[in-house]
Amino acid sequence: MMMNHFLDMDEQYTLLDSAQYVLLPVGYDGTSTFIKGADKGPQALLDASDSLELYDPVYGIEAYKAGIYTDTFEYDFSTPNVMLNSVYMRIKHFLELKKTPAILGGEHSVSIGAIKAMSEQYENLSVLQIDAHADLRDEYHGSPYNHACVMRRAQEYAHVVQVGIRNVCVEEKPNLIAEDVFYAHQIHNHLAWIPKVIERLDDQVYLTIDLDGFDPSIVPGTGTPLPGGLTWYSVITLLEQLFASKKVVGFDVVELCPLPDNKISDVLAATLVYKIITLFEVYKKNSLH
């Protein structure tokens, strides 16, 4: 079943005019270099969301009642630069409408346009990146807008804090800021690192989650899986403390590469998106425009 909007909810909660949240599916997979298929990620996430219950037993709310609109805009994917500008303009459009935007990727390069738009809307913006890879190359395969360069471009617009990193190339080392990198091998067996992450962030935060930041035992469906990743509850604990402490202004969940016979990754991605929206609602005082 092909879902054209997020969750199995009444149509009144899917309408743009009354929705607080806008999901932007950006099925771009133009620069990925290992496993292809992230272009199918947004639709797989939407399809998996049909299986989710609308009530959150942890927080005791139904966050969907704030309204979640799923955008149907068709982006120009002719080049990476054109793609990111297309995303940039669309994010600006929804910011002008006072909506909270969230991108469903697609490969990680789709985040660049969103981060650029957010940096113009919010001064002193931080980006919290959950990821297996540093993504700090100046260019890769001839393009500065490759998915392996996304956080290097983000550094041009915002202060970047990186969590779960476990893959770095030597060319990226000059672009690493030691106090802003929380390597997976340093944080895997305790949670004392979470307050330190929060301390490094400015008051306004854009959240970007590459699903390979999770361990592949729980998210096998991603383009560049790596062992030693984060667990579900460590990420949720981080997000709870983030929302309790900072104003989160938007987010993305990217690099879902759906597997034909295994929907675990799709369901986790959909659950994560709804959990983040739920946290927006729980901590609304921090996220008002």
Protein backbone atom coordinates (compact mmCIF):
# COMPACT_ATOMS: atom_id res chain seq x y z
CA MET A 1 0.00 0.00 0.00
CA MET A 2 1.42 3.38 -1.05
CA MET A 3 0.80 6.01 1.60
CA ASN A 4 0.50 9.61 0.42
CA HIS A 5 0.71 11.06 3.90
CA PHE A 6 2.30 10.24 7.24
CA LEU A 7 0.44 7.97 9.69
CA ASP A 8 -3.03 6.48 9.43
CA MET A 9 -4.95 9.49 10.69
CA ASP A 10 -8.10 11.40 9.82
CA GLU A 11 -7.76 13.70 6.84
CA GLN A 12 -8.42 16.82 8.93
CA TYR A 13 -4.99 16.38 10.53
CA THR A 14 -3.19 16.10 7.17
CA LEU A 15 -4.17 19.53 5.80
CA LEU A 16 -1.54 22.22 5.32
CA ASP A 17 -3.55 25.16 6.62
CA SER A 18 -4.03 23.68 10.08
CA ALA A 19 -0.83 21.60 10.35
CA GLN A 20 2.06 22.66 12.58
CA TYR A 21 4.46 20.15 11.02
CA VAL A 22 5.39 19.72 7.38
CA LEU A 23 7.18 16.60 6.14
CA LEU A 24 9.14 17.10 2.94
CA PRO A 25 9.96 13.81 1.18
CA VAL A 26 13.15 14.36 -0.84
CA GLY A 27 13.98 11.10 -2.59
CA TYR A 28 17.37 12.14 -3.93
CA ASP A 29 20.13 9.55 -4.38
CA GLY A 30 22.41 11.26 -6.87
CA THR A 31 25.80 11.13 -5.11
CA SER A 32 25.69 8.00 -2.91
CA THR A 33 28.70 5.77 -3.48
CA PHE A 34 27.99 2.39 -1.88
CA ILE A 35 24.46 0.93 -1.68
CA LYS A 36 21.91 2.72 -3.84
CA GLY A 37 18.25 3.00 -2.88
CA ALA A 38 17.90 6.08 -0.65
CA ASP A 39 15.62 7.57 -3.30
CA LYS A 40 13.04 5.01 -2.15
CA GLY A 41 13.50 5.92 1.52
CA PRO A 42 10.80 8.60 1.89
CA GLN A 43 8.04 6.42 0.44
CA ALA A 44 9.14 3.41 2.51
CA LEU A 45 9.02 5.55 5.66
CA LEU A 46 5.55 6.84 4.83
CA ASP A 47 4.32 3.33 4.07
CA ALA A 48 5.73 2.02 7.38
CA SER A 49 4.05 4.83 9.30
CA ASP A 50 0.71 3.21 8.53
CA SER A 51 1.60 0.54 11.10
CA LEU A 52 2.13 2.96 14.01
CA GLU A 53 -0.32 3.67 16.79
CA LEU A 54 -1.12 7.37 17.24
CA TYR A 55 -0.95 7.44 21.04
CA ASP A 56 2.41 7.68 22.80
CA PRO A 57 2.34 5.70 26.07
CA VAL A 58 5.52 7.36 27.39
CA TYR A 59 4.19 10.92 27.21
CA GLY A 60 0.47 10.21 27.20
CA ILE A 61 -0.34 12.34 24.15
CA GLU A 62 -1.44 12.01 20.53
CA ALA A 63 0.97 14.39 18.81
CA TYR A 64 -0.63 14.00 15.38
CA LYS A 65 -3.48 16.27 16.51
CA ALA A 66 -1.15 19.24 16.02
CA GLY A 67 -1.43 18.44 12.30
CA ILE A 68 1.18 16.83 10.05
CA TYR A 69 1.15 17.77 6.39
CA THR A 70 3.09 15.65 3.89
CA ASP A 71 4.35 17.78 1.02
CA THR A 72 4.02 16.61 -2.59
CA PHE A 73 6.42 19.08 -4.22
CA GLU A 74 8.57 17.70 -7.06
CA TYR A 75 12.21 18.74 -6.67
CA ASP A 76 14.72 19.33 -9.43
CA PHE A 77 17.36 16.61 -9.11
CA SER A 78 19.31 17.50 -12.27
CA THR A 79 22.50 18.32 -10.32
CA PRO A 80 23.40 18.29 -6.61
CA ASN A 81 23.61 22.09 -6.56
CA VAL A 82 20.22 22.51 -8.22
CA MET A 83 18.74 19.94 -5.85
CA LEU A 84 19.94 21.69 -2.70
CA ASN A 85 18.70 25.05 -3.97
CA SER A 86 15.32 23.48 -4.68
CA VAL A 87 15.18 22.18 -1.10
CA TYR A 88 16.40 25.53 0.24
CA MET A 89 13.57 27.42 -1.47
CA ARG A 90 10.95 24.93 -0.30
CA ILE A 91 12.11 25.09 3.32
CA LYS A 92 12.05 28.91 3.18
CA HIS A 93 8.49 28.74 1.90
CA PHE A 94 7.32 26.73 4.89
CA LEU A 95 9.28 28.82 7.37
CA GLU A 96 7.44 31.86 6.02
CA LEU A 97 4.19 29.99 6.74
CA LYS A 98 5.38 29.47 10.35
CA LYS A 99 5.50 25.70 9.94
CA THR A 100 8.02 23.32 11.52
CA PRO A 101 9.74 21.53 8.61
CA ALA A 102 11.18 18.03 8.53
CA ILE A 103 12.91 16.41 5.57
CA LEU A 104 12.54 12.72 4.84
CA GLY A 105 15.56 11.57 2.86
CA GLY A 106 17.02 10.58 0.52
CA GLU A 107 20.77 10.72 0.89
CA HIS A 108 22.33 13.10 3.40
CA SER A 109 23.16 15.84 0.89
CA VAL A 110 19.47 16.88 0.96
CA SER A 111 20.14 18.44 4.38
CA ILE A 112 22.38 21.20 3.01
CA GLY A 113 19.55 23.29 1.58
CA ALA A 114 17.55 22.98 4.79
CA ILE A 115 20.49 24.00 6.99
CA LYS A 116 21.20 27.00 4.78
CA ALA A 117 17.56 28.15 5.02
CA MET A 118 17.49 27.58 8.78
CA SER A 119 20.69 29.56 9.29
CA GLU A 120 19.08 32.56 7.61
CA GLN A 121 15.98 32.27 9.77
CA TYR A 122 17.74 31.66 13.10
CA GLU A 123 20.88 33.44 14.32
CA ASN A 124 23.51 31.42 16.20
CA LEU A 125 22.15 28.14 14.86
CA SER A 126 23.67 24.83 15.90
CA VAL A 127 23.32 21.58 13.99
CA LEU A 128 23.20 18.34 15.96
CA GLN A 129 24.30 15.51 13.67
CA ILE A 130 23.73 11.85 14.54
CA ASP A 131 25.78 9.83 12.08
CA ALA A 132 28.36 7.09 11.58
CA HIS A 133 30.40 9.33 9.28
CA ALA A 134 31.97 12.73 9.80
CA ASP A 135 30.95 13.89 6.28
CA LEU A 136 33.57 16.66 6.42
CA ARG A 137 35.30 16.31 3.06
CA ASP A 138 35.68 19.57 1.14
CA GLU A 139 34.62 17.69 -1.98
CA TYR A 140 34.11 14.10 -3.06
CA HIS A 141 33.88 12.62 -6.54
CA GLY A 142 34.27 16.11 -7.94
CA SER A 143 31.41 17.75 -6.05
CA PRO A 144 31.37 19.90 -2.88
CA TYR A 145 27.71 18.89 -2.48
CA ASN A 146 28.29 15.15 -2.28
CA HIS A 147 26.71 13.32 0.66
CA ALA A 148 30.25 12.90 2.07
CA CYS A 149 30.59 16.72 2.26
CA VAL A 150 27.29 17.61 3.89
CA MET A 151 28.65 18.56 7.31
CA ARG A 152 31.54 20.50 5.80
CA ARG A 153 28.94 22.61 3.99
CA ALA A 154 26.89 22.81 7.19
CA GLN A 155 29.92 24.27 9.00
CA GLU A 156 29.68 27.22 6.60
CA TYR A 157 26.22 28.04 7.98
CA ALA A 158 26.15 26.82 11.58
CA HIS A 159 27.98 25.36 14.54
CA VAL A 160 28.02 21.57 14.09
CA VAL A 161 28.09 19.00 16.91
CA GLN A 162 28.61 15.40 15.80
CA VAL A 163 27.46 12.27 17.66
CA GLY A 164 28.05 8.57 16.96
CA ILE A 165 30.95 9.11 14.55
CA ARG A 166 33.03 6.02 13.79
CA ASN A 167 34.32 6.56 10.26
CA VAL A 168 36.74 9.39 9.39
CA CYS A 169 39.18 9.80 6.50
CA VAL A 170 42.50 11.57 6.96
CA GLU A 171 41.43 14.44 4.66
CA GLU A 172 38.63 15.29 7.09
CA LYS A 173 40.86 15.64 10.13
CA PRO A 174 41.61 19.39 9.65
CA ASN A 175 37.85 20.04 9.64
CA LEU A 176 37.14 18.10 12.83
CA ILE A 177 36.59 20.21 15.95
CA ALA A 178 37.63 17.89 18.76
CA GLU A 179 35.28 19.20 21.44
CA ASP A 180 32.32 18.94 19.04
CA VAL A 181 32.85 15.30 18.05
CA PHE A 182 31.47 12.47 20.20
CA TYR A 183 32.90 9.27 18.77
CA ALA A 184 30.89 6.08 19.13
CA HIS A 185 33.76 4.22 20.78
CA GLN A 186 33.91 6.87 23.51
CA ILE A 187 30.21 6.90 24.38
CA HIS A 188 28.91 3.38 23.80
CA ASN A 189 28.87 2.15 27.40
CA HIS A 190 27.49 5.10 29.37
CA LEU A 191 25.23 8.17 29.05
CA ALA A 192 27.46 10.75 30.74
CA TRP A 193 28.25 12.18 27.30
CA ILE A 194 24.71 13.45 26.70
CA PRO A 195 24.90 16.57 28.94
CA LYS A 196 28.24 17.37 27.31
CA VAL A 197 26.60 17.32 23.88
CA ILE A 198 23.87 19.66 25.11
CA GLU A 199 26.48 22.05 26.53
CA ARG A 200 28.16 22.34 23.14
CA LEU A 201 24.94 23.39 21.38
CA ASP A 202 23.63 26.93 21.01
CA ASP A 203 20.07 27.78 22.00
CA GLN A 204 18.55 27.06 18.57
CA VAL A 205 19.21 23.67 17.02
CA TYR A 206 18.55 21.92 13.73
CA LEU A 207 18.61 18.14 14.12
CA THR A 208 19.95 15.92 11.32
CA ILE A 209 19.83 12.15 11.76
CA ASP A 210 21.58 9.85 9.34
CA LEU A 211 20.12 6.43 10.10
CA ASP A 212 23.56 4.81 9.86
CA GLY A 213 24.25 6.52 13.17
CA PHE A 214 22.27 3.64 14.67
CA ASP A 215 23.86 0.22 14.93
CA PRO A 216 23.09 -1.89 11.84
CA SER A 217 21.68 -4.60 14.10
CA ILE A 218 18.62 -2.35 14.47
CA VAL A 219 18.87 -0.38 11.19
CA PRO A 220 20.24 -2.68 8.49
CA GLY A 221 18.51 -0.71 5.72
CA THR A 222 20.91 2.13 5.07
CA GLY A 223 23.38 2.91 2.31
CA THR A 224 26.59 2.81 4.34
CA PRO A 225 26.08 0.62 7.44
CA LEU A 226 28.85 0.40 10.03
CA PRO A 227 29.14 -1.70 13.19
CA GLY A 228 29.36 -0.10 16.62
CA GLY A 229 26.47 2.33 16.28
CA LEU A 230 24.04 3.91 18.71
CA THR A 231 21.10 2.19 20.35
CA TRP A 232 17.47 3.31 20.23
CA TYR A 233 17.21 4.38 23.86
CA SER A 234 20.51 6.25 23.95
CA VAL A 235 19.34 8.34 20.98
CA ILE A 236 15.91 8.93 22.53
CA THR A 237 17.53 9.98 25.83
CA LEU A 238 19.71 12.44 23.92
CA LEU A 239 16.67 13.83 22.10
CA GLU A 240 14.66 14.19 25.30
CA GLN A 241 17.44 16.23 26.89
CA LEU A 242 17.87 18.23 23.68
CA PHE A 243 14.21 19.24 23.58
CA ALA A 244 14.13 19.94 27.30
CA SER A 245 17.10 22.31 27.02
CA LYS A 246 17.06 23.90 23.56
CA LYS A 247 14.74 25.28 20.90
CA VAL A 248 14.69 22.73 18.10
CA VAL A 249 13.67 24.49 14.89
CA GLY A 250 13.50 21.61 12.40
CA PHE A 251 14.91 18.21 11.61
CA ASP A 252 15.61 15.57 9.02
CA VAL A 253 15.86 11.78 8.97
CA VAL A 254 17.93 10.60 6.01
CA GLU A 255 19.72 7.66 4.38
CA LEU A 256 16.94 5.10 4.72
CA CYS A 257 17.73 2.52 2.05
CA PRO A 258 14.79 0.11 2.31
CA LEU A 259 15.37 -3.62 2.05
CA PRO A 260 12.85 -5.56 -0.05
CA ASP A 261 12.16 -8.29 2.52
CA ASN A 262 12.88 -6.52 5.82
CA LYS A 263 10.79 -3.59 7.03
CA ILE A 264 12.56 -3.12 10.40
CA SER A 265 14.52 -0.08 9.23
CA ASP A 266 11.46 1.52 7.65
CA VAL A 267 9.44 1.13 10.83
CA LEU A 268 12.24 2.47 13.02
CA ALA A 269 12.61 5.51 10.76
CA ALA A 270 8.87 6.21 10.85
CA THR A 271 8.76 5.71 14.61
CA LEU A 272 11.70 8.08 15.02
CA VAL A 273 9.98 10.81 12.99
CA TYR A 274 6.80 10.51 15.07
CA LYS A 275 8.78 10.42 18.32
CA ILE A 276 10.54 13.66 17.36
CA ILE A 277 7.21 15.32 16.56
CA THR A 278 5.92 14.05 19.91
CA LEU A 279 8.90 15.65 21.66
CA PHE A 280 8.13 18.93 19.89
CA GLU A 281 4.65 18.77 21.38
CA VAL A 282 5.81 17.73 24.85
CA TYR A 283 8.36 20.55 25.01
CA LYS A 284 6.35 23.09 23.02
CA LYS A 285 7.45 25.97 25.19
CA ASN A 286 10.94 25.64 23.72
CA SER A 287 9.92 25.22 20.09
CA LEU A 288 7.47 28.07 19.50
CA HIS A 289 8.35 30.41 16.63
